[in-house]
C-alpha atoms as a PDB file:
ATOM      1  CA  UNK A   1      -2.536 -47.343-174.671  1.00  0.00           C
ATOM      2  CA  UNK A   2      -0.778 -44.422-173.036  1.00  0.00           C
ATOM      3  CA  UNK A   3      -2.523 -45.328-169.776  1.00  0.00           C
ATOM      4  CA  UNK A   4      -0.942 -48.773-169.763  1.00  0.00           C
ATOM      5  CA  UNK A   5       2.544 -47.305-169.426  1.00  0.00           C
ATOM      6  CA  UNK A   6       1.813 -44.105-167.488  1.00  0.00           C
ATOM      7  CA  UNK A   7       3.228 -45.285-164.189  1.00  0.00           C
ATOM      8  CA  UNK A   8       5.986 -47.693-165.263  1.00  0.00           C
ATOM      9  CA  UNK A   9       8.713 -45.437-163.898  1.00  0.00           C
ATOM     10  CA  UNK A  10       7.023 -45.314-160.476  1.00  0.00           C
ATOM     11  CA  UNK A  11       6.947 -49.085-160.096  1.00  0.00           C
ATOM     12  CA  UNK A  12      10.555 -49.726-159.182  1.00  0.00           C
ATOM     13  CA  UNK A  13       9.749 -49.987-155.482  1.00  0.00           C
ATOM     14  CA  UNK A  14       8.435 -53.499-156.188  1.00  0.00           C
ATOM     15  CA  UNK A  15      11.953 -54.701-156.932  1.00  0.00           C
ATOM     16  CA  UNK A  16      13.613 -56.229-153.882  1.00  0.00           C
ATOM     17  CA  UNK A  17      10.307 -57.425-152.428  1.00  0.00           C
ATOM     18  CA  UNK A  18      10.205 -60.568-154.612  1.00  0.00           C
ATOM     19  CA  UNK A  19       7.531 -58.825-156.680  1.00  0.00           C
ATOM     20  CA  UNK A  20       7.236 -57.831-160.303  1.00  0.00           C
ATOM     21  CA  UNK A  21       4.736 -56.458-162.731  1.00  0.00           C
ATOM     22  CA  UNK A  22       3.988 -58.148-166.033  1.00  0.00           C
ATOM     23  CA  UNK A  23       2.822 -56.397-169.171  1.00  0.00           C
ATOM     24  CA  UNK A  24       0.370 -58.829-170.780  1.00  0.00           C
ATOM     25  CA  UNK A  25       0.150 -59.070-174.570  1.00  0.00           C
ATOM     26  CA  UNK A  26      -1.040 -61.351-177.357  1.00  0.00           C
ATOM     27  CA  UNK A  27       0.635 -62.604-180.510  1.00  0.00           C
ATOM     28  CA  UNK A  28      -1.578 -64.688-182.807  1.00  0.00           C
ATOM     29  CA  UNK A  29      -4.674 -66.051-181.118  1.00  0.00           C
ATOM     30  CA  UNK A  30      -5.979 -65.849-177.572  1.00  0.00           C
ATOM     31  CA  UNK A  31      -2.887 -67.037-175.694  1.00  0.00           C
ATOM     32  CA  UNK A  32      -1.592 -64.458-173.204  1.00  0.00           C
ATOM     33  CA  UNK A  33       2.116 -63.696-172.871  1.00  0.00           C
ATOM     34  CA  UNK A  34       3.962 -61.593-170.315  1.00  0.00           C
ATOM     35  CA  UNK A  35       7.078 -59.435-170.097  1.00  0.00           C
ATOM     36  CA  UNK A  36       8.535 -57.787-167.003  1.00  0.00           C
ATOM     37  CA  UNK A  37       7.558 -54.111-166.983  1.00  0.00           C
ATOM     38  CA  UNK A  38      11.036 -53.274-165.719  1.00  0.00           C
ATOM     39  CA  UNK A  39      12.406 -54.233-169.154  1.00  0.00           C
ATOM     40  CA  UNK A  40       9.892 -52.057-171.021  1.00  0.00           C
ATOM     41  CA  UNK A  41      10.662 -48.488-172.077  1.00  0.00           C
ATOM     42  CA  UNK A  42       7.424 -47.773-173.889  1.00  0.00           C
ATOM     43  CA  UNK A  43       4.559 -49.262-175.882  1.00  0.00           C
ATOM     44  CA  UNK A  44       3.303 -47.691-179.088  1.00  0.00           C
ATOM     45  CA  UNK A  45       1.371 -48.354-182.260  1.00  0.00           C
ATOM     46  CA  UNK A  46       3.826 -49.762-184.777  1.00  0.00           C
ATOM     47  CA  UNK A  47       5.338 -46.895-186.763  1.00  0.00           C
ATOM     48  CA  UNK A  48       6.426 -47.094-190.400  1.00  0.00           C
ATOM     49  CA  UNK A  49       9.217 -49.637-190.817  1.00  0.00           C
ATOM     50  CA  UNK A  50      12.194 -49.532-193.156  1.00  0.00           C
ATOM     51  CA  UNK A  51      13.249 -52.892-194.527  1.00  0.00           C
ATOM     52  CA  UNK A  52      16.866 -53.969-194.113  1.00  0.00           C
ATOM     53  CA  UNK A  53      18.527 -55.995-196.877  1.00  0.00           C
ATOM     54  CA  UNK A  54      19.801 -59.414-195.704  1.00  0.00           C
ATOM     55  CA  UNK A  55      18.397 -58.877-192.199  1.00  0.00           C
ATOM     56  CA  UNK A  56      17.355 -61.889-190.129  1.00  0.00           C
ATOM     57  CA  UNK A  57      13.840 -62.968-191.231  1.00  0.00           C
ATOM     58  CA  UNK A  58      12.508 -62.219-187.747  1.00  0.00           C
ATOM     59  CA  UNK A  59      13.509 -58.552-188.082  1.00  0.00           C
ATOM     60  CA  UNK A  60      10.544 -56.919-189.833  1.00  0.00           C
ATOM     61  CA  UNK A  61      12.445 -53.667-190.264  1.00  0.00           C
ATOM     62  CA  UNK A  62      13.806 -50.723-188.334  1.00  0.00           C
ATOM     63  CA  UNK A  63      11.936 -47.734-186.950  1.00  0.00           C
ATOM     64  CA  UNK A  64      13.069 -44.255-186.051  1.00  0.00           C
ATOM     65  CA  UNK A  65      11.779 -43.692-182.510  1.00  0.00           C
ATOM     66  CA  UNK A  66      12.710 -40.554-180.571  1.00  0.00           C
ATOM     67  CA  UNK A  67      15.763 -40.029-182.715  1.00  0.00           C
ATOM     68  CA  UNK A  68      17.063 -43.585-182.404  1.00  0.00           C
ATOM     69  CA  UNK A  69      16.997 -46.332-185.043  1.00  0.00           C
ATOM     70  CA  UNK A  70      15.584 -49.458-183.424  1.00  0.00           C
ATOM     71  CA  UNK A  71      15.220 -52.972-184.902  1.00  0.00           C
ATOM     72  CA  UNK A  72      11.681 -54.368-184.721  1.00  0.00           C
ATOM     73  CA  UNK A  73      11.440 -58.141-184.200  1.00  0.00           C
ATOM     74  CA  UNK A  74       8.319 -60.174-184.951  1.00  0.00           C
ATOM     75  CA  UNK A  75       8.013 -61.964-181.595  1.00  0.00           C
ATOM     76  CA  UNK A  76       5.498 -64.455-182.950  1.00  0.00           C
ATOM     77  CA  UNK A  77       7.801 -65.527-185.759  1.00  0.00           C
ATOM     78  CA  UNK A  78      10.831 -65.544-183.425  1.00  0.00           C
ATOM     79  CA  UNK A  79       9.175 -68.144-181.192  1.00  0.00           C
ATOM     80  CA  UNK A  80       8.248 -70.496-184.033  1.00  0.00           C
ATOM     81  CA  UNK A  81       4.686 -69.286-184.637  1.00  0.00           C
ATOM     82  CA  UNK A  82       3.296 -67.814-187.844  1.00  0.00           C
ATOM     83  CA  UNK A  83       4.288 -64.208-188.574  1.00  0.00           C
ATOM     84  CA  UNK A  84       2.025 -61.391-187.455  1.00  0.00           C
ATOM     85  CA  UNK A  85      -0.177 -59.662-190.023  1.00  0.00           C
ATOM     86  CA  UNK A  86       1.551 -58.203-193.049  1.00  0.00           C
ATOM     87  CA  UNK A  87       0.292 -54.682-192.326  1.00  0.00           C
ATOM     88  CA  UNK A  88       2.431 -53.934-189.255  1.00  0.00           C
ATOM     89  CA  UNK A  89       0.675 -50.604-188.685  1.00  0.00           C
ATOM     90  CA  UNK A  90      -2.221 -52.554-187.131  1.00  0.00           C
ATOM     91  CA  UNK A  91       0.143 -54.093-184.564  1.00  0.00           C
ATOM     92  CA  UNK A  92       1.914 -52.711-181.499  1.00  0.00           C
ATOM     93  CA  UNK A  93       5.582 -52.475-180.574  1.00  0.00           C
ATOM     94  CA  UNK A  94       6.971 -53.045-177.089  1.00  0.00           C
ATOM     95  CA  UNK A  95      10.273 -51.148-176.853  1.00  0.00           C
ATOM     96  CA  UNK A  96      12.593 -53.019-174.484  1.00  0.00           C
ATOM     97  CA  UNK A  97      16.114 -52.870-173.139  1.00  0.00           C
ATOM     98  CA  UNK A  98      17.991 -56.150-172.687  1.00  0.00           C
ATOM     99  CA  UNK A  99      21.697 -56.556-172.077  1.00  0.00           C
ATOM    100  CA  UNK A 100      22.243 -52.818-172.703  1.00  0.00           C
ATOM    101  CA  UNK A 101      20.664 -53.117-176.168  1.00  0.00           C
ATOM    102  CA  UNK A 102      17.362 -51.597-177.254  1.00  0.00           C
ATOM    103  CA  UNK A 103      14.949 -53.381-179.564  1.00  0.00           C
ATOM    104  CA  UNK A 104      11.223 -53.468-180.290  1.00  0.00           C
ATOM    105  CA  UNK A 105       9.026 -56.541-180.211  1.00  0.00           C
ATOM    106  CA  UNK A 106       6.118 -56.553-182.643  1.00  0.00           C
ATOM    107  CA  UNK A 107       2.962 -57.982-180.990  1.00  0.00           C
ATOM    108  CA  UNK A 108      -0.678 -58.151-182.029  1.00  0.00           C
ATOM    109  CA  UNK A 109      -2.133 -56.350-179.005  1.00  0.00           C
ATOM    110  CA  UNK A 110      -1.248 -55.190-175.495  1.00  0.00           C
ATOM    111  CA  UNK A 111      -3.673 -55.939-172.664  1.00  0.00           C
ATOM    112  CA  UNK A 112      -2.765 -54.604-169.216  1.00  0.00           C
ATOM    113  CA  UNK A 113      -0.247 -54.652-166.393  1.00  0.00           C
ATOM    114  CA  UNK A 114      -0.632 -57.094-163.475  1.00  0.00           C
ATOM    115  CA  UNK A 115       1.161 -56.983-160.120  1.00  0.00           C
ATOM    116  CA  UNK A 116       2.521 -60.375-159.049  1.00  0.00           C
ATOM    117  CA  UNK A 117       4.826 -62.160-156.641  1.00  0.00           C
ATOM    118  CA  UNK A 118       7.768 -64.098-158.051  1.00  0.00           C
ATOM    119  CA  UNK A 119       6.485 -67.097-156.048  1.00  0.00           C
ATOM    120  CA  UNK A 120       3.528 -67.142-158.452  1.00  0.00           C
ATOM    121  CA  UNK A 121       5.904 -67.431-161.419  1.00  0.00           C
ATOM    122  CA  UNK A 122       6.920 -71.024-162.101  1.00  0.00           C
ATOM    123  CA  UNK A 123       9.414 -72.789-164.388  1.00  0.00           C
ATOM    124  CA  UNK A 124       7.939 -74.347-167.556  1.00  0.00           C
ATOM    125  CA  UNK A 125       6.298 -77.715-166.926  1.00  0.00           C
ATOM    126  CA  UNK A 126       8.619 -80.703-167.152  1.00  0.00           C
ATOM    127  CA  UNK A 127       8.253 -82.582-170.400  1.00  0.00           C
ATOM    128  CA  UNK A 128       8.063 -79.471-172.601  1.00  0.00           C
ATOM    129  CA  UNK A 129      11.461 -80.342-174.118  1.00  0.00           C
ATOM    130  CA  UNK A 130      14.431 -78.092-174.842  1.00  0.00           C
ATOM    131  CA  UNK A 131      13.216 -76.323-177.972  1.00  0.00           C
ATOM    132  CA  UNK A 132      10.498 -74.188-176.421  1.00  0.00           C
ATOM    133  CA  UNK A 133      10.866 -70.435-175.875  1.00  0.00           C
ATOM    134  CA  UNK A 134       9.429 -70.275-172.356  1.00  0.00           C
ATOM    135  CA  UNK A 135      11.370 -69.165-169.339  1.00  0.00           C
ATOM    136  CA  UNK A 136       8.388 -69.315-166.977  1.00  0.00           C
ATOM    137  CA  UNK A 137       4.607 -69.623-166.727  1.00  0.00           C
ATOM    138  CA  UNK A 138       1.976 -68.190-164.394  1.00  0.00           C
ATOM    139  CA  UNK A 139      -1.785 -67.778-164.139  1.00  0.00           C
ATOM    140  CA  UNK A 140      -3.792 -64.552-164.271  1.00  0.00           C
ATOM    141  CA  UNK A 141      -7.562 -64.640-163.788  1.00  0.00           C
ATOM    142  CA  UNK A 142      -7.339 -68.435-164.037  1.00  0.00           C
ATOM    143  CA  UNK A 143      -5.702 -68.187-167.477  1.00  0.00           C
ATOM    144  CA  UNK A 144      -2.239 -69.443-168.385  1.00  0.00           C
ATOM    145  CA  UNK A 145       0.331 -66.731-169.134  1.00  0.00           C
ATOM    146  CA  UNK A 146       3.546 -67.708-170.895  1.00  0.00           C
ATOM    147  CA  UNK A 147       6.712 -65.698-170.234  1.00  0.00           C
ATOM    148  CA  UNK A 148       9.047 -65.857-173.216  1.00  0.00           C
ATOM    149  CA  UNK A 149      12.787 -66.469-172.885  1.00  0.00           C
ATOM    150  CA  UNK A 150      13.761 -63.224-174.597  1.00  0.00           C
ATOM    151  CA  UNK A 151      17.465 -63.930-174.117  1.00  0.00           C
ATOM    152  CA  UNK A 152      17.084 -67.053-176.235  1.00  0.00           C
ATOM    153  CA  UNK A 153      15.271 -65.076-178.935  1.00  0.00           C
ATOM    154  CA  UNK A 154      17.956 -62.392-179.021  1.00  0.00           C
ATOM    155  CA  UNK A 155      20.770 -64.944-179.005  1.00  0.00           C
ATOM    156  CA  UNK A 156      19.296 -66.570-182.129  1.00  0.00           C
ATOM    157  CA  UNK A 157      18.589 -63.314-183.984  1.00  0.00           C
ATOM    158  CA  UNK A 158      21.744 -61.427-183.029  1.00  0.00           C
ATOM    159  CA  UNK A 159      24.302 -63.756-181.393  1.00  0.00           C
ATOM    160  CA  UNK A 160      26.848 -62.061-179.164  1.00  0.00           C
ATOM    161  CA  UNK A 161      30.439 -63.183-178.865  1.00  0.00           C
ATOM    162  CA  UNK A 162      31.040 -65.679-176.089  1.00  0.00           C
ATOM    163  CA  UNK A 163      34.823 -65.788-176.386  1.00  0.00           C
ATOM    164  CA  UNK A 164      37.149 -64.281-173.794  1.00  0.00           C
ATOM    165  CA  UNK A 165      39.852 -61.994-175.179  1.00  0.00           C
ATOM    166  CA  UNK A 166      43.493 -62.960-174.980  1.00  0.00           C
ATOM    167  CA  UNK A 167      45.219 -61.532-171.929  1.00  0.00           C
ATOM    168  CA  UNK A 168      42.225 -61.652-169.567  1.00  0.00           C
ATOM    169  CA  UNK A 169      43.251 -65.051-168.207  1.00  0.00           C
ATOM    170  CA  UNK A 170      46.875 -66.040-167.593  1.00  0.00           C
ATOM    171  CA  UNK A 171      48.381 -69.449-166.939  1.00  0.00           C
ATOM    172  CA  UNK A 172      48.887 -68.767-163.234  1.00  0.00           C
ATOM    173  CA  UNK A 173      45.211 -67.938-162.740  1.00  0.00           C
ATOM    174  CA  UNK A 174      44.143 -71.045-164.648  1.00  0.00           C
ATOM    175  CA  UNK A 175      46.381 -73.233-162.479  1.00  0.00           C
ATOM    176  CA  UNK A 176      44.619 -71.882-159.362  1.00  0.00           C
ATOM    177  CA  UNK A 177      41.158 -71.943-160.985  1.00  0.00           C
ATOM    178  CA  UNK A 178      41.017 -75.711-161.386  1.00  0.00           C
ATOM    179  CA  UNK A 179      40.739 -76.063-157.612  1.00  0.00           C
ATOM    180  CA  UNK A 180      37.773 -73.701-157.352  1.00  0.00           C
ATOM    181  CA  UNK A 181      34.039 -73.795-157.932  1.00  0.00           C
ATOM    182  CA  UNK A 182      31.558 -71.058-158.864  1.00  0.00           C
ATOM    183  CA  UNK A 183      27.806 -71.260-158.257  1.00  0.00           C
ATOM    184  CA  UNK A 184      25.686 -69.762-161.057  1.00  0.00           C
ATOM    185  CA  UNK A 185      21.927 -69.153-160.915  1.00  0.00           C
ATOM    186  CA  UNK A 186      19.828 -68.258-163.974  1.00  0.00           C
ATOM    187  CA  UNK A 187      16.410 -69.309-165.264  1.00  0.00           C
ATOM    188  CA  UNK A 188      17.354 -68.855-168.938  1.00  0.00           C
ATOM    189  CA  UNK A 189      18.932 -71.962-170.453  1.00  0.00           C
ATOM    190  CA  UNK A 190      20.794 -69.780-172.955  1.00  0.00           C
ATOM    191  CA  UNK A 191      22.201 -67.538-170.197  1.00  0.00           C
ATOM    192  CA  UNK A 192      23.244 -70.560-168.109  1.00  0.00           C
ATOM    193  CA  UNK A 193      25.176 -71.980-171.054  1.00  0.00           C
ATOM    194  CA  UNK A 194      26.797 -68.623-171.846  1.00  0.00           C
ATOM    195  CA  UNK A 195      27.960 -68.125-168.277  1.00  0.00           C
ATOM    196  CA  UNK A 196      29.116 -71.736-167.895  1.00  0.00           C
ATOM    197  CA  UNK A 197      31.188 -71.634-171.076  1.00  0.00           C
ATOM    198  CA  UNK A 198      32.798 -68.363-170.022  1.00  0.00           C
ATOM    199  CA  UNK A 199      33.693 -69.666-166.549  1.00  0.00           C
ATOM    200  CA  UNK A 200      34.999 -72.952-167.937  1.00  0.00           C
ATOM    201  CA  UNK A 201      37.363 -70.884-170.082  1.00  0.00           C
ATOM    202  CA  UNK A 202      38.709 -69.380-166.862  1.00  0.00           C
ATOM    203  CA  UNK A 203      39.152 -72.904-165.577  1.00  0.00           C
ATOM    204  CA  UNK A 204      36.783 -73.092-162.599  1.00  0.00           C
ATOM    205  CA  UNK A 205      34.229 -75.831-162.008  1.00  0.00           C
ATOM    206  CA  UNK A 206      30.656 -74.574-162.473  1.00  0.00           C
ATOM    207  CA  UNK A 207      27.550 -75.595-160.531  1.00  0.00           C
ATOM    208  CA  UNK A 208      24.531 -74.193-162.405  1.00  0.00           C
ATOM    209  CA  UNK A 209      21.063 -73.868-160.849  1.00  0.00           C
ATOM    210  CA  UNK A 210      17.787 -72.620-162.342  1.00  0.00           C
ATOM    211  CA  UNK A 211      16.269 -70.155-159.872  1.00  0.00           C
ATOM    212  CA  UNK A 212      16.685 -68.412-156.527  1.00  0.00           C
ATOM    213  CA  UNK A 213      14.568 -70.856-154.531  1.00  0.00           C
ATOM    214  CA  UNK A 214      16.588 -73.805-155.816  1.00  0.00           C
ATOM    215  CA  UNK A 215      19.832 -71.989-155.002  1.00  0.00           C
ATOM    216  CA  UNK A 216      18.755 -71.084-151.481  1.00  0.00           C
ATOM    217  CA  UNK A 217      17.680 -74.658-150.750  1.00  0.00           C
ATOM    218  CA  UNK A 218      20.996 -75.931-152.129  1.00  0.00           C
ATOM    219  CA  UNK A 219      23.013 -73.590-149.908  1.00  0.00           C
ATOM    220  CA  UNK A 220      20.927 -74.474-146.857  1.00  0.00           C
ATOM    221  CA  UNK A 221      21.599 -78.138-147.533  1.00  0.00           C
ATOM    222  CA  UNK A 222      25.338 -77.431-147.563  1.00  0.00           C
ATOM    223  CA  UNK A 223      24.990 -75.691-144.200  1.00  0.00           C
ATOM    224  CA  UNK A 224      23.008 -78.645-142.808  1.00  0.00           C
ATOM    225  CA  UNK A 225      25.903 -80.889-143.870  1.00  0.00           C
ATOM    226  CA  UNK A 226      28.276 -78.753-141.821  1.00  0.00           C
ATOM    227  CA  UNK A 227      29.827 -77.007-144.854  1.00  0.00           C
ATOM    228  CA  UNK A 228      30.483 -73.291-145.321  1.00  0.00           C
ATOM    229  CA  UNK A 229      29.263 -71.891-148.682  1.00  0.00           C
ATOM    230  CA  UNK A 230      32.094 -69.351-148.788  1.00  0.00           C
ATOM    231  CA  UNK A 231      34.574 -72.225-148.560  1.00  0.00           C
ATOM    232  CA  UNK A 232      32.731 -74.400-151.081  1.00  0.00           C
ATOM    233  CA  UNK A 233      32.436 -71.626-153.693  1.00  0.00           C
ATOM    234  CA  UNK A 234      34.683 -68.844-154.864  1.00  0.00           C
ATOM    235  CA  UNK A 235      31.533 -66.790-155.548  1.00  0.00           C
ATOM    236  CA  UNK A 236      27.913 -66.938-156.640  1.00  0.00           C
ATOM    237  CA  UNK A 237      26.866 -65.299-159.909  1.00  0.00           C
ATOM    238  CA  UNK A 238      23.104 -64.838-159.969  1.00  0.00           C
ATOM    239  CA  UNK A 239      20.512 -63.469-162.362  1.00  0.00           C
ATOM    240  CA  UNK A 240      17.935 -61.097-160.871  1.00  0.00           C
ATOM    241  CA  UNK A 241      14.725 -62.019-162.709  1.00  0.00           C
ATOM    242  CA  UNK A 242      13.856 -65.623-161.838  1.00  0.00           C
ATOM    243  CA  UNK A 243      10.693 -67.601-161.055  1.00  0.00           C
ATOM    244  CA  UNK A 244       9.969 -68.636-157.463  1.00  0.00           C
ATOM    245  CA  UNK A 245      12.542 -66.218-156.014  1.00  0.00           C
ATOM    246  CA  UNK A 246      14.383 -63.309-157.629  1.00  0.00           C
ATOM    247  CA  UNK A 247      18.074 -62.530-157.234  1.00  0.00           C
ATOM    248  CA  UNK A 248      17.524 -59.606-154.866  1.00  0.00           C
ATOM    249  CA  UNK A 249      15.499 -61.753-152.464  1.00  0.00           C
ATOM    250  CA  UNK A 250      18.008 -64.602-152.753  1.00  0.00           C
ATOM    251  CA  UNK A 251      20.834 -62.204-151.849  1.00  0.00           C
ATOM    252  CA  UNK A 252      18.897 -60.757-148.889  1.00  0.00           C
ATOM    253  CA  UNK A 253      18.164 -64.290-147.590  1.00  0.00           C
ATOM    254  CA  UNK A 254      21.839 -65.270-147.820  1.00  0.00           C
ATOM    255  CA  UNK A 255      22.977 -62.096-146.051  1.00  0.00           C
ATOM    256  CA  UNK A 256      20.483 -62.627-143.224  1.00  0.00           C
ATOM    257  CA  UNK A 257      21.810 -66.113-142.471  1.00  0.00           C
ATOM    258  CA  UNK A 258      25.029 -66.080-140.384  1.00  0.00           C
ATOM    259  CA  UNK A 259      25.984 -69.503-141.757  1.00  0.00           C
ATOM    260  CA  UNK A 260      26.192 -68.345-145.369  1.00  0.00           C
ATOM    261  CA  UNK A 261      26.375 -64.542-145.277  1.00  0.00           C
ATOM    262  CA  UNK A 262      30.103 -64.459-146.196  1.00  0.00           C
ATOM    263  CA  UNK A 263      29.485 -65.893-149.681  1.00  0.00           C
ATOM    264  CA  UNK A 264      30.660 -63.433-152.363  1.00  0.00           C
ATOM    265  CA  UNK A 265      27.696 -62.495-154.576  1.00  0.00           C
ATOM    266  CA  UNK A 266      27.726 -60.898-158.008  1.00  0.00           C
ATOM    267  CA  UNK A 267      24.328 -60.065-159.547  1.00  0.00           C
ATOM    268  CA  UNK A 268      24.471 -60.614-163.293  1.00  0.00           C
ATOM    269  CA  UNK A 269      21.458 -59.285-165.145  1.00  0.00           C
ATOM    270  CA  UNK A 270      19.981 -57.974-168.378  1.00  0.00           C
ATOM    271  CA  UNK A 271      18.189 -55.317-166.316  1.00  0.00           C
ATOM    272  CA  UNK A 272      19.849 -51.977-166.922  1.00  0.00           C
ATOM    273  CA  UNK A 273      20.002 -48.718-165.036  1.00  0.00           C
ATOM    274  CA  UNK A 274      21.432 -46.944-162.013  1.00  0.00           C
ATOM    275  CA  UNK A 275      18.490 -48.124-159.932  1.00  0.00           C
ATOM    276  CA  UNK A 276      19.749 -51.700-160.018  1.00  0.00           C
ATOM    277  CA  UNK A 277      23.138 -50.666-158.691  1.00  0.00           C
ATOM    278  CA  UNK A 278      21.386 -48.992-155.769  1.00  0.00           C
ATOM    279  CA  UNK A 279      19.432 -52.187-155.146  1.00  0.00           C
ATOM    280  CA  UNK A 280      22.671 -54.187-155.146  1.00  0.00           C
ATOM    281  CA  UNK A 281      23.867 -52.122-152.166  1.00  0.00           C
ATOM    282  CA  UNK A 282      20.485 -52.324-150.455  1.00  0.00           C
ATOM    283  CA  UNK A 283      20.337 -56.139-150.452  1.00  0.00           C
ATOM    284  CA  UNK A 284      24.051 -56.548-149.716  1.00  0.00           C
ATOM    285  CA  UNK A 285      25.466 -57.959-152.941  1.00  0.00           C
ATOM    286  CA  UNK A 286      29.193 -57.494-153.540  1.00  0.00           C
ATOM    287  CA  UNK A 287      29.007 -56.664-157.214  1.00  0.00           C
ATOM    288  CA  UNK A 288      26.734 -55.962-160.189  1.00  0.00           C
ATOM    289  CA  UNK A 289      27.414 -56.813-163.812  1.00  0.00           C
ATOM    290  CA  UNK A 290      25.295 -56.248-166.929  1.00  0.00           C
ATOM    291  CA  UNK A 291      24.834 -59.200-169.303  1.00  0.00           C
ATOM    292  CA  UNK A 292      26.486 -60.523-171.367  1.00  0.00           C
ATOM    293  CA  UNK A 293      30.095 -59.373-171.627  1.00  0.00           C
ATOM    294  CA  UNK A 294      32.434 -62.367-171.499  1.00  0.00           C
ATOM    295  CA  UNK A 295      35.586 -60.329-170.787  1.00  0.00           C
ATOM    296  CA  UNK A 296      33.929 -58.481-167.876  1.00  0.00           C
ATOM    297  CA  UNK A 297      32.500 -61.678-166.410  1.00  0.00           C
ATOM    298  CA  UNK A 298      35.800 -63.532-166.735  1.00  0.00           C
ATOM    299  CA  UNK A 299      37.637 -60.578-165.179  1.00  0.00           C
ATOM    300  CA  UNK A 300      35.325 -60.655-162.127  1.00  0.00           C
ATOM    301  CA  UNK A 301      36.198 -64.324-161.588  1.00  0.00           C
ATOM    302  CA  UNK A 302      39.909 -63.711-162.171  1.00  0.00           C
ATOM    303  CA  UNK A 303      39.847 -60.905-159.600  1.00  0.00           C
ATOM    304  CA  UNK A 304      38.203 -63.214-157.080  1.00  0.00           C
ATOM    305  CA  UNK A 305      40.789 -65.933-157.712  1.00  0.00           C
ATOM    306  CA  UNK A 306      43.619 -63.462-157.114  1.00  0.00           C
ATOM    307  CA  UNK A 307      41.912 -62.107-153.992  1.00  0.00           C
ATOM    308  CA  UNK A 308      41.494 -65.650-152.648  1.00  0.00           C
ATOM    309  CA  UNK A 309      45.275 -66.089-152.797  1.00  0.00           C
END
């Protein structure tokens, strides 16, 4: 097991090349699931868990790991499947960091790490409905791998506030905002709704797209129609991890095109760390913001509205 994670910290060079590495794991049964290695801090045999009174049913307990108390979520149960075995010591925990919070996901077993291109990662098939927990699917060794919408899981288990504090938005800004549009790009349906609700509070019109490829094609269509993206949109707020094309590659493509390179870009991601801020500069984004902090997001838009006037 130690070998699976030995070189995680050396893999960051893949980011920015539209590549990622997936840690493959199983819940109940033979179905393979994947999680971006960049979100994973470590993998370990499940330690002893302490039960929490009145905790969400998905939270099997908390564990003390390297001096920190971390909640352990049954990922099988969280996605509507039957709970993992009662004896958690036979299972594994994937310690992850999302939206600046650390949590462990209880899984049955961990397989291996695979190197992939985001172009090989596809949105869930149409017709799967709205209640599924998939953010993407791919194939490895001719087998289907499902990538779970972790942001949806976390939003259900531990909802974060989506309201903007009083004082962040004033009447003058809202009067100007109604004339402006913001382009948002995110593959998570939960994240799209969170961002849209926050921006609608500011007062701007929101155009929400699902991935980097879709966004790039949309912007190119605007250019073909003789429009300038920087005049059509106050800014673009984009996730980084997305099927088909990630946010870094989307930003680099926009910056390399003289017809759209002036568009203001803020990368908005659950990926944490100083490395991502360095990547923001490398690909030419204007700003970087960790998910999901409504006040910070609203303030970025307010600042842009004031700068535009």
